[in-house]
Protein backbone atom coordinates (compact mmCIF):
# COMPACT_ATOMS: atom_id res chain seq x y z
CA UNK A 1 52.54 143.48 41.99
CA UNK A 2 54.50 146.35 40.21
CA UNK A 3 52.95 149.45 39.98
CA UNK A 4 53.13 151.31 36.61
CA UNK A 5 53.56 155.55 37.46
CA UNK A 6 54.14 158.56 36.30
CA UNK A 7 57.68 160.45 37.26
CA UNK A 8 55.46 163.35 39.33
CA UNK A 9 53.94 160.19 40.98
CA UNK A 10 56.89 158.66 41.71
CA UNK A 11 57.92 162.08 43.60
CA UNK A 12 54.94 162.01 45.66
CA UNK A 13 56.11 158.91 47.29
CA UNK A 14 59.47 159.96 48.41
CA UNK A 15 59.11 160.78 51.85
CA UNK A 16 61.17 163.12 54.22
CA UNK A 17 63.79 161.57 56.11
CA UNK A 18 64.26 159.08 53.29
CA UNK A 19 67.55 156.87 52.64
CA UNK A 20 67.65 156.31 49.38
CA UNK A 21 70.25 154.90 46.73
CA UNK A 22 70.80 155.97 43.67
CA UNK A 23 72.33 154.62 40.48
CA UNK A 24 74.61 155.94 37.72
CA UNK A 25 78.11 156.87 36.36
CA UNK A 26 78.26 159.82 35.24
CA UNK A 27 75.06 160.07 32.78
CA UNK A 28 74.36 156.53 32.36
CA UNK A 29 71.88 154.67 34.23
CA UNK A 30 70.60 157.92 35.62
CA UNK A 31 67.07 158.10 36.51
CA UNK A 32 67.16 162.05 35.37
CA UNK A 33 63.49 162.57 34.94
CA UNK A 34 62.91 161.32 38.74
CA UNK A 35 65.35 163.55 40.07
CA UNK A 36 63.91 166.86 38.43
CA UNK A 37 60.35 166.12 39.65
CA UNK A 38 61.88 165.48 43.06
CA UNK A 39 63.35 169.09 42.93
CA UNK A 40 60.64 170.17 41.17
CA UNK A 41 57.93 169.20 44.11
CA UNK A 42 60.59 170.41 46.77
CA UNK A 43 60.50 173.71 45.30
CA UNK A 44 57.08 173.64 45.53
CA UNK A 45 55.76 172.13 48.64
CA UNK A 46 59.11 171.77 50.59
CA UNK A 47 59.12 168.23 50.57
CA UNK A 48 60.46 165.58 50.22
CA UNK A 49 63.26 166.98 52.98
CA UNK A 50 66.74 165.97 54.73
CA UNK A 51 67.44 162.70 52.42
CA UNK A 52 70.26 160.96 52.96
CA UNK A 53 71.86 159.70 49.02
CA UNK A 54 73.89 157.16 48.43
CA UNK A 55 76.01 156.01 45.66
CA UNK A 56 79.17 155.00 44.34
CA UNK A 57 79.70 156.44 41.08
CA UNK A 58 79.91 160.15 40.26
CA UNK A 59 76.46 160.80 39.10
CA UNK A 60 75.99 164.34 37.15
CA UNK A 61 77.78 166.24 33.90
CA UNK A 62 79.75 168.63 35.83
CA UNK A 63 76.94 171.38 35.09
CA UNK A 64 73.41 171.05 36.19
CA UNK A 65 72.46 167.22 35.84
CA UNK A 66 72.57 164.09 38.10
CA UNK A 67 72.68 165.00 41.94
CA UNK A 68 72.99 168.51 41.26
CA UNK A 69 69.23 168.29 41.43
CA UNK A 70 69.28 167.37 45.31
CA UNK A 71 72.43 170.13 45.86
CA UNK A 72 69.62 171.96 48.54
CA UNK A 73 70.14 172.26 52.29
CA UNK A 74 67.08 171.59 53.16
CA UNK A 75 66.32 168.79 50.94
CA UNK A 76 69.39 167.15 51.38
CA UNK A 77 70.71 166.21 55.00
CA UNK A 78 73.67 163.98 54.03
CA UNK A 79 75.68 162.42 50.97
CA UNK A 80 77.86 159.36 50.85
CA UNK A 81 79.28 158.81 47.45
CA UNK A 82 82.41 157.69 45.75
CA UNK A 83 82.64 160.99 43.75
CA UNK A 84 81.21 164.33 44.29
CA UNK A 85 82.81 166.69 41.97
CA UNK A 86 80.11 166.07 39.01
CA UNK A 87 77.54 167.77 41.09
CA UNK A 88 79.57 171.19 41.36
CA UNK A 89 76.71 172.40 43.66
CA UNK A 90 77.64 170.20 46.46
CA UNK A 91 80.89 171.67 47.31
CA UNK A 92 79.52 175.32 48.92
CA UNK A 93 77.23 173.21 51.08
CA UNK A 94 80.02 170.86 51.89
CA UNK A 95 82.47 173.42 52.94
CA UNK A 96 79.92 175.65 54.78
CA UNK A 97 79.04 172.66 56.61
CA UNK A 98 75.02 172.76 55.61
CA UNK A 99 75.13 169.09 54.96
CA UNK A 100 76.73 165.84 56.48
CA UNK A 101 79.15 164.74 53.07
CA UNK A 102 81.29 160.95 53.65
CA UNK A 103 83.53 160.38 50.54
CA UNK A 104 84.26 156.40 50.30
CA UNK A 105 86.05 154.38 47.37
CA UNK A 106 83.69 153.61 44.34
CA UNK A 107 84.17 150.32 44.67
CA UNK A 108 83.37 149.86 48.40
CA UNK A 109 80.17 151.58 48.04
CA UNK A 110 79.37 149.30 45.13
CA UNK A 111 80.14 146.14 47.29
CA UNK A 112 78.75 147.47 50.55
CA UNK A 113 75.22 147.52 48.23
CA UNK A 114 75.79 143.81 48.04
CA UNK A 115 76.96 143.28 51.32
CA UNK A 116 73.45 145.17 52.76
CA UNK A 117 72.09 142.64 50.49
CA UNK A 118 72.95 140.21 52.29
CA UNK A 119 72.34 141.44 55.44
CA UNK A 120 75.46 141.50 56.45
CA UNK A 121 77.02 144.01 59.30
CA UNK A 122 79.06 145.79 57.30
CA UNK A 123 82.00 145.16 54.64
CA UNK A 124 85.09 144.49 55.78
CA UNK A 125 88.07 146.01 53.28
CA UNK A 126 91.59 146.97 52.83
CA UNK A 127 91.18 149.53 50.45
CA UNK A 128 91.33 152.93 52.41
CA UNK A 129 93.72 152.41 54.53
CA UNK A 130 96.37 154.99 55.08
CA UNK A 131 93.95 157.28 52.93
CA UNK A 132 91.83 160.17 54.62
CA UNK A 133 89.19 157.56 54.91
CA UNK A 134 91.09 155.57 57.53
CA UNK A 135 89.28 156.42 60.89
CA UNK A 136 93.05 156.97 62.11
CA UNK A 137 93.01 160.11 59.88
CA UNK A 138 89.32 161.76 58.67
CA UNK A 139 87.39 158.12 58.51
CA UNK A 140 85.65 159.65 54.94
CA UNK A 141 84.16 162.83 56.53
CA UNK A 142 84.54 165.99 54.38
CA UNK A 143 83.34 168.49 57.39
CA UNK A 144 82.66 169.73 60.34
CA UNK A 145 78.85 168.06 60.93
CA UNK A 146 80.11 164.83 59.74
CA UNK A 147 80.09 163.31 62.97
CA UNK A 148 79.31 159.79 62.97
CA UNK A 149 81.88 156.89 62.45
CA UNK A 150 80.79 155.21 59.40
CA UNK A 151 84.17 153.05 59.16
CA UNK A 152 86.24 151.25 62.21
CA UNK A 153 89.37 149.27 61.92
CA UNK A 154 89.71 145.51 62.50
CA UNK A 155 92.92 143.41 62.72
CA UNK A 156 92.42 139.43 61.26
CA UNK A 157 95.64 137.39 61.11
CA UNK A 158 98.47 140.25 61.73
CA UNK A 159 96.80 142.24 59.29
CA UNK A 160 94.54 145.54 59.40
CA UNK A 161 91.55 146.04 57.41
CA UNK A 162 88.78 148.72 57.74
CA UNK A 163 85.17 147.87 58.09
CA UNK A 164 82.58 150.10 56.44
CA UNK A 165 78.80 150.27 57.57
CA UNK A 166 76.55 152.66 55.72
CA UNK A 167 73.10 153.63 56.61
CA UNK A 168 70.75 150.63 54.70
CA UNK A 169 68.48 152.03 52.01
CA UNK A 170 64.85 151.69 52.88
CA UNK A 171 64.28 153.89 48.93
CA UNK A 172 65.84 152.68 45.59
CA UNK A 173 65.68 154.82 42.23
CA UNK A 174 67.75 153.21 39.39
CA UNK A 175 67.37 153.08 35.29
CA UNK A 176 67.26 149.98 32.81
CA UNK A 177 66.02 149.68 29.16
CA UNK A 178 62.88 147.77 29.44
CA UNK A 179 60.40 146.80 31.82
CA UNK A 180 57.47 143.69 31.12
CA UNK A 181 54.10 143.75 32.99
CA UNK A 182 55.66 142.08 36.04
CA UNK A 183 58.74 144.40 36.69
CA UNK A 184 61.53 142.41 35.41
CA UNK A 185 63.70 144.58 34.30
CA UNK A 186 66.39 144.62 31.08
CA UNK A 187 69.35 146.90 30.15
CA UNK A 188 69.54 146.37 26.44
CA UNK A 189 70.08 149.56 25.31
CA UNK A 190 72.10 151.01 28.37
CA UNK A 191 76.07 150.95 28.08
CA UNK A 192 76.49 149.60 31.71
CA UNK A 193 74.80 148.01 34.53
CA UNK A 194 76.91 149.01 37.33
CA UNK A 195 75.48 147.61 40.85
CA UNK A 196 71.58 147.76 39.88
CA UNK A 197 70.53 144.34 40.96
CA UNK A 198 72.20 144.69 44.33
CA UNK A 199 71.01 147.97 44.99
CA UNK A 200 67.37 146.91 44.44
CA UNK A 201 67.86 144.22 46.48
CA UNK A 202 69.60 145.76 49.56
CA UNK A 203 66.19 148.22 49.36
CA UNK A 204 63.74 145.29 49.39
CA UNK A 205 65.43 143.11 51.34
CA UNK A 206 65.58 146.13 54.27
CA UNK A 207 61.76 146.46 54.00
CA UNK A 208 62.20 149.61 51.53
CA UNK A 209 60.49 150.51 47.81
CA UNK A 210 62.32 150.24 44.41
CA UNK A 211 61.62 152.34 41.52
CA UNK A 212 62.71 152.24 38.16
CA UNK A 213 62.45 154.48 35.59
CA UNK A 214 62.57 152.77 31.52
CA UNK A 215 62.65 153.48 28.32
CA UNK A 216 59.39 151.47 27.04
CA UNK A 217 57.14 148.80 29.03
CA UNK A 218 56.68 145.44 26.91
CA UNK A 219 54.47 142.53 27.13
CA UNK A 220 55.20 139.71 29.52
CA UNK A 221 57.43 136.96 28.26
CA UNK A 222 59.46 139.17 25.40
CA UNK A 223 62.12 139.62 27.60
CA UNK A 224 64.74 136.38 27.82
CA UNK A 225 64.76 135.29 31.56
CA UNK A 226 69.13 135.94 31.25
CA UNK A 227 68.46 139.45 30.07
CA UNK A 228 66.30 140.02 32.98
CA UNK A 229 69.15 142.07 35.91
CA UNK A 230 66.65 142.83 38.21
CA UNK A 231 64.05 140.65 39.09
CA UNK A 232 60.43 142.13 39.05
CA UNK A 233 60.01 140.75 42.09
CA UNK A 234 61.97 142.97 43.89
CA UNK A 235 60.62 146.49 42.05
CA UNK A 236 57.75 148.12 43.19
CA UNK A 237 57.20 151.28 40.90
CA UNK A 238 58.41 151.55 37.44
CA UNK A 239 58.15 154.87 35.58
CA UNK A 240 58.11 154.93 31.72
CA UNK A 241 59.73 157.78 30.78
CA UNK A 242 58.07 160.55 28.43
CA UNK A 243 61.46 162.18 27.01
CA UNK A 244 64.22 160.18 25.13
CA UNK A 245 66.44 163.10 26.53
CA UNK A 246 66.06 161.10 29.89
CA UNK A 247 67.05 158.12 28.94
CA UNK A 248 70.60 159.13 26.72
CA UNK A 249 73.28 156.56 27.13
CA UNK A 250 75.92 159.02 28.58
CA UNK A 251 76.13 162.60 28.90
CA UNK A 252 77.65 162.73 25.35
CA UNK A 253 75.01 160.44 23.56
CA UNK A 254 71.63 159.48 23.36
CA UNK A 255 72.20 155.97 21.55
CA UNK A 256 74.71 154.32 19.62
CA UNK A 257 74.58 150.85 19.16
CA UNK A 258 78.31 150.28 19.32
CA UNK A 259 78.46 150.70 23.25
CA UNK A 260 76.22 147.29 23.74
CA UNK A 261 77.42 145.24 20.91
CA UNK A 262 80.76 143.35 20.43
CA UNK A 263 80.16 142.18 17.16
CA UNK A 264 81.83 145.68 15.45
CA UNK A 265 84.58 145.77 12.92
CA UNK A 266 86.12 149.23 12.17
CA UNK A 267 89.05 150.33 10.77
CA UNK A 268 91.85 151.99 12.83
CA UNK A 269 91.55 155.75 12.95
CA UNK A 270 95.04 156.88 12.07
CA UNK A 271 96.50 158.33 15.76
CA UNK A 272 98.64 161.02 15.45
CA UNK A 273 99.18 162.56 19.23
CA UNK A 274 100.50 166.04 19.52
CA UNK A 275 104.16 166.42 20.24
CA UNK A 276 103.82 168.04 23.93
CA UNK A 277 104.19 167.40 27.84
CA UNK A 278 101.09 165.48 27.31
CA UNK A 279 102.83 162.90 24.80
CA UNK A 280 106.31 162.94 26.80
CA UNK A 281 104.62 162.14 29.42
CA UNK A 282 102.78 158.87 27.64
CA UNK A 283 105.57 157.80 25.62
CA UNK A 284 108.07 157.37 29.42
CA UNK A 285 104.77 155.84 30.76
CA UNK A 286 104.34 153.68 27.99
CA UNK A 287 108.19 152.44 28.18
CA UNK A 288 107.54 150.78 31.67
CA UNK A 289 104.81 148.23 29.94
CA UNK A 290 106.48 144.45 30.09
CA UNK A 291 105.97 141.87 27.64
CA UNK A 292 103.90 140.25 30.47
CA UNK A 293 101.51 143.54 30.87
CA UNK A 294 98.36 142.41 29.15
CA UNK A 295 95.30 144.04 31.81
CA UNK A 296 95.32 147.40 31.74
CA UNK A 297 93.61 150.38 33.14
CA UNK A 298 93.42 153.78 32.40
CA UNK A 299 92.90 156.56 34.65
CA UNK A 300 91.05 159.96 33.09
CA UNK A 301 93.15 162.75 31.57
CA UNK A 302 96.72 162.15 31.53
CA UNK A 303 97.05 158.44 31.62
CA UNK A 304 94.04 158.52 28.22
CA UNK A 305 97.62 159.72 26.56
CA UNK A 306 99.29 156.62 27.29
CA UNK A 307 96.96 154.66 25.35
CA UNK A 308 97.03 157.05 22.50
CA UNK A 309 100.63 156.56 22.88
CA UNK A 310 100.33 153.00 22.18
CA UNK A 311 97.41 153.23 19.40
CA UNK A 312 100.36 155.42 17.81
CA UNK A 313 103.37 152.55 18.20
CA UNK A 314 100.96 149.91 17.21
CA UNK A 315 101.00 147.25 20.49
CA UNK A 316 97.24 148.53 21.56
CA UNK A 317 95.87 145.48 20.42
CA UNK A 318 98.35 143.72 22.58
CA UNK A 319 96.61 144.60 25.33
CA UNK A 320 92.87 144.08 27.06
CA UNK A 321 91.63 147.74 28.95
CA UNK A 322 89.62 147.58 32.33
CA UNK A 323 87.39 150.47 32.62
CA UNK A 324 86.12 150.52 36.74
CA UNK A 325 82.15 150.30 35.90
CA UNK A 326 82.56 147.36 34.13
CA UNK A 327 83.51 146.69 30.81
CA UNK A 328 86.57 144.55 29.53
CA UNK A 329 88.32 145.30 25.79
CA UNK A 330 86.69 147.51 23.24
CA UNK A 331 88.12 150.81 22.95
CA UNK A 332 87.25 152.76 25.88
CA UNK A 333 85.46 156.15 25.76
CA UNK A 334 86.72 159.46 26.92
CA UNK A 335 85.26 162.70 27.72
CA UNK A 336 81.07 162.61 28.36
CA UNK A 337 81.22 159.06 27.27
CA UNK A 338 83.82 158.07 30.14
CA UNK A 339 82.72 154.45 31.36
CA UNK A 340 81.30 153.16 28.23
CA UNK A 341 83.63 151.12 25.31
CA UNK A 342 83.41 150.70 21.85
CA UNK A 343 82.37 147.30 20.99
CA UNK A 344 83.37 145.88 24.38
CA UNK A 345 84.19 142.39 24.67
CA UNK A 346 81.69 141.84 27.66
CA UNK A 347 80.06 143.80 30.49
CA UNK A 348 80.17 142.94 34.55
CA UNK A 349 78.04 144.20 37.25
CA UNK A 350 80.17 147.00 38.95
CA UNK A 351 80.78 145.16 42.48
CA UNK A 352 82.31 142.20 40.54
CA UNK A 353 84.97 144.53 38.61
CA UNK A 354 86.13 145.55 41.97
CA UNK A 355 86.44 142.37 42.98
CA UNK A 356 88.77 141.57 40.41
CA UNK A 357 90.66 144.85 40.79
CA UNK A 358 90.74 144.46 44.86
CA UNK A 359 92.14 140.78 44.18
CA UNK A 360 95.05 142.10 41.86
CA UNK A 361 93.43 141.17 38.63
CA UNK A 362 95.06 144.50 36.76
CA UNK A 363 98.74 144.18 35.44
CA UNK A 364 99.51 147.91 35.84
CA UNK A 365 97.45 151.08 35.76
CA UNK A 366 98.05 154.17 34.98
CA UNK A 367 96.83 156.96 36.89
CA UNK A 368 96.70 161.19 37.58
CA UNK A 369 99.79 162.92 39.59
CA UNK A 370 97.47 165.93 40.94
CA UNK A 371 100.01 166.57 44.06
CA UNK A 372 102.59 164.11 46.05
CA UNK A 373 105.07 164.67 48.57
CA UNK A 374 108.08 163.26 50.14
CA UNK A 375 106.92 160.04 51.24
CA UNK A 376 105.40 159.32 48.11
CA UNK A 377 101.72 160.06 48.83
CA UNK A 378 99.12 161.10 46.23
CA UNK A 379 96.19 164.15 46.64
CA UNK A 380 94.02 163.62 43.81
CA UNK A 381 90.56 164.49 46.16
CA UNK A 382 90.37 167.95 47.77
CA UNK A 383 92.03 171.02 46.45
CA UNK A 384 90.92 174.19 48.11
CA UNK A 385 87.42 174.27 47.95
CA UNK A 386 87.17 171.50 45.21
CA UNK A 387 85.99 168.29 46.26
CA UNK A 388 85.80 165.89 43.36
CA UNK A 389 86.44 163.09 45.75
CA UNK A 390 88.01 159.49 44.95
CA UNK A 391 85.75 157.29 42.36
CA UNK A 392 87.78 154.05 41.61
CA UNK A 393 91.23 155.57 42.59
CA UNK A 394 91.92 154.10 46.28
CA UNK A 395 90.57 150.58 44.96
CA UNK A 396 92.49 150.37 41.96
CA UNK A 397 95.80 152.76 43.33
CA UNK A 398 96.16 150.11 46.53
CA UNK A 399 95.62 146.61 44.79
CA UNK A 400 97.33 146.81 41.22
CA UNK A 401 100.99 145.36 41.73
CA UNK A 402 102.71 148.54 39.17
CA UNK A 403 101.31 151.48 39.44
CA UNK A 404 102.67 154.76 37.47
CA UNK A 405 101.76 158.13 37.86
CA UNK A 406 101.46 160.78 35.36
CA UNK A 407 101.14 164.20 35.11
CA UNK A 408 103.29 167.59 34.47
CA UNK A 409 105.66 168.28 37.05
CA UNK A 410 104.44 171.73 37.67
CA UNK A 411 101.12 173.18 36.85
CA UNK A 412 99.19 176.60 35.30
CA UNK A 413 101.01 177.39 32.03
CA UNK A 414 103.69 175.17 31.69
CA UNK A 415 105.52 175.25 27.83
CA UNK A 416 108.14 173.07 26.97
CA UNK A 417 110.32 172.53 23.32
CA UNK A 418 111.67 169.19 22.33
CA UNK A 419 114.11 168.60 19.99
CA UNK A 420 117.56 166.63 18.94
CA UNK A 421 116.20 164.43 21.68
CA UNK A 422 116.29 166.73 24.53
CA UNK A 423 113.79 168.94 26.74
CA UNK A 424 113.70 172.56 26.82
CA UNK A 425 111.65 174.42 29.72
CA UNK A 426 110.13 177.73 27.85
CA UNK A 427 107.49 178.76 30.64
CA UNK A 428 107.55 177.38 34.11
CA UNK A 429 103.99 176.51 35.72
CA UNK A 430 103.20 178.55 38.37
CA UNK A 431 101.95 175.71 41.11
CA UNK A 432 104.40 173.42 42.03
CA UNK A 433 102.89 169.93 42.41
CA UNK A 434 105.34 168.00 44.56
CA UNK A 435 104.60 169.59 48.01
CA UNK A 436 105.42 169.48 51.75
CA UNK A 437 101.86 169.06 52.93
CA UNK A 438 98.83 167.57 51.08
CA UNK A 439 95.22 168.33 51.99
CA UNK A 440 94.43 164.97 51.75
CA UNK A 441 95.95 161.76 51.24
CA UNK A 442 94.01 159.39 48.88
CA UNK A 443 97.08 157.08 48.36
CA UNK A 444 99.78 156.36 50.87
CA UNK A 445 102.87 155.59 49.83
CA UNK A 446 104.05 153.95 52.81
CA UNK A 447 101.44 151.45 52.98
CA UNK A 448 102.41 150.46 49.00
CA UNK A 449 105.60 150.32 49.89
CA UNK A 450 105.13 147.75 52.53
CA UNK A 451 102.56 145.94 50.35
CA UNK A 452 105.34 145.21 47.82
CA UNK A 453 104.27 147.44 45.10
CA UNK A 454 106.02 148.85 42.30
CA UNK A 455 105.17 152.78 42.17
CA UNK A 456 106.04 155.13 39.39
CA UNK A 457 105.63 158.95 38.95
CA UNK A 458 106.38 160.07 35.72
CA UNK A 459 106.40 163.78 34.64
CA UNK A 460 107.76 165.36 31.48
CA UNK A 461 111.25 165.80 33.12
CA UNK A 462 111.67 163.64 35.66
CA UNK A 463 110.80 160.39 36.73
CA UNK A 464 110.49 158.97 40.42
CA UNK A 465 110.28 155.69 42.13
CA UNK A 466 108.76 154.95 45.92
CA UNK A 467 111.63 153.46 47.67
CA UNK A 468 111.86 152.43 51.38
CA UNK A 469 113.07 156.38 52.07
CA UNK A 470 110.13 157.65 50.32
CA UNK A 471 110.13 159.56 46.99
CA UNK A 472 113.06 158.56 44.56
CA UNK A 473 114.44 160.77 41.40
CA UNK A 474 115.95 158.19 39.24
CA UNK A 475 115.77 159.95 35.87
CA UNK A 476 116.21 163.56 34.58
CA UNK A 477 115.35 164.67 30.64
CA UNK A 478 118.11 165.15 28.53
CA UNK A 479 118.87 169.07 28.59
CA UNK A 480 117.18 170.11 31.73
CA UNK A 481 119.41 171.09 34.67
CA UNK A 482 118.75 169.30 37.79
CA UNK A 483 118.75 172.15 40.56
CA UNK A 484 117.45 174.72 37.92
CA UNK A 485 114.31 172.79 36.69
CA UNK A 486 113.57 170.22 39.30
CA UNK A 487 114.95 170.66 42.56
CA UNK A 488 113.71 174.43 43.06
CA UNK A 489 110.18 173.57 41.74
CA UNK A 490 110.17 171.20 44.74
CA UNK A 491 109.20 172.16 48.67
CA UNK A 492 111.13 168.99 49.56
CA UNK A 493 114.40 167.58 48.18
CA UNK A 494 113.97 163.85 47.10
CA UNK A 495 116.24 160.91 47.49
CA UNK A 496 118.52 161.00 44.34
CA UNK A 497 119.87 157.61 43.31
CA UNK A 498 123.57 157.79 42.67
CA UNK A 499 123.57 156.67 39.12
CA UNK A 500 121.21 159.09 37.92
CA UNK A 501 119.90 157.93 34.36
CA UNK A 502 118.85 160.22 31.69
CA UNK A 503 114.92 159.66 30.22
CA UNK A 504 115.00 158.09 27.07
CA UNK A 505 116.06 160.17 24.18
CA UNK A 506 113.37 158.69 21.97
CA UNK A 507 110.91 160.05 24.21
CA UNK A 508 111.59 163.43 22.49
CA UNK A 509 111.80 163.36 19.17
CA UNK A 510 108.96 163.26 16.44
CA UNK A 511 109.53 160.02 15.29
CA UNK A 512 107.86 156.59 16.70
CA UNK A 513 109.74 155.04 19.56
CA UNK A 514 109.77 151.67 18.05
CA UNK A 515 108.01 150.27 21.24
CA UNK A 516 106.40 147.09 18.79
CA UNK A 517 110.17 145.97 18.07
CA UNK A 518 110.96 146.68 22.00
CA UNK A 519 108.51 144.13 23.19
CA UNK A 520 109.11 141.75 20.36
CA UNK A 521 112.60 141.33 21.18
CA UNK A 522 111.22 141.27 24.98
CA UNK A 523 113.21 144.21 25.62
CA UNK A 524 112.72 147.22 27.97
CA UNK A 525 114.24 150.40 27.87
CA UNK A 526 117.80 150.92 29.56
CA UNK A 527 116.57 153.97 31.42
CA UNK A 528 114.05 151.99 33.34
CA UNK A 529 115.61 151.44 37.11
CA UNK A 530 115.14 147.99 38.15
């Protein structure tokens, strides 16, 4: 029978050396009140200690929420996560070898919970090949005290795959909206379901315990059977939260019904994207869309500008967006609401979304470009002491047929000017992005090329494509000088095509590009290299 307890009582239940599976995406589905009470007990008693945490997505707000409550050397022994950047207090612990730490792809961890629930010995996946997660490189280990090999390699029918064998959780801490008297859990007010069902099953089938934080307790029979995502037989304890602040839908929103309803009709907001380097990059990337591209994924940050450009050009309604935690359609949100969508068409469990991604379900993906080398490899996961991690990046970048990396050519203080269809570099960025050595390989150009993917790298002044020789320059902006503005700011010399083209002049003017007409006429920009 499910027992209803307080958050203080829940914290008292957690033993030393527990292996805990956590649920959450940024601030969504996070059992914040229970996390706080666990830390308060530790601060007072010194227990629990030596915990191992497992979570697929980044959990936190980049300041003091989520996994940040566990960021103490004696409290935490090991963390296995898809993204660590939302809990910055973890970084000094990892960098000083105070705790063990692994970074695996978000989709892999999400699917691994489902594999553990089904008593499978490991998860097999091609995701991570050729990256720092590959055991031939670092095996996903983030420091010297992390020595256990959790990733192996297997050859099946002549093809390499990775095997992921994660510790099986003996505790799970989850969150839903309502619980009936038997502990059946629904997610009525939560924008996402994530892998809650899989985690509950993994802990339960491993002989462990499951705690779920909810907004309200309701009578038996008041919940629709198909709305129940965690059956009560999997739930040992339910905590009815005492504060609405612990049940926020996202880091930025207490409650917005439009995140959980599809029957929302809103007038389209006017879109006016300022004419700067972000818009230039977004425009050039948007020109890589063809009339057959309908299912799209945008990464956070610079790639979001591509979405804004498509809205400005009047073609956004021809595209269905997906967001990795589980939403199809609607309007994907950014900032503290990232992961949610306004009026989504549908929301599915996160492991199934990554099945869709891994199977090649996306037509084209727009992702961020932080560092790139001559082989076309990308690093977005480690920069000195900063260890943001990979999130869903590896799943998406390795399994989408056409990937467009977007970012400025240099970083730190870049200023540009446009006019008459040309680009002028007013002030150069302080840091090169195209470098000899990457701190980590988050995307392997070699693996992508051998897999037959089409990979583009779009900046405000140059466009590259991945070829057999590696990074290949195919376009430059009108108004820039090849040697002075491009090659002198690269730590290596790329291959340069003989018929080097100029980027479309429409990109550098204030008027709309007419992308809707292009798509209607089944044409693409003449500057797209085939």
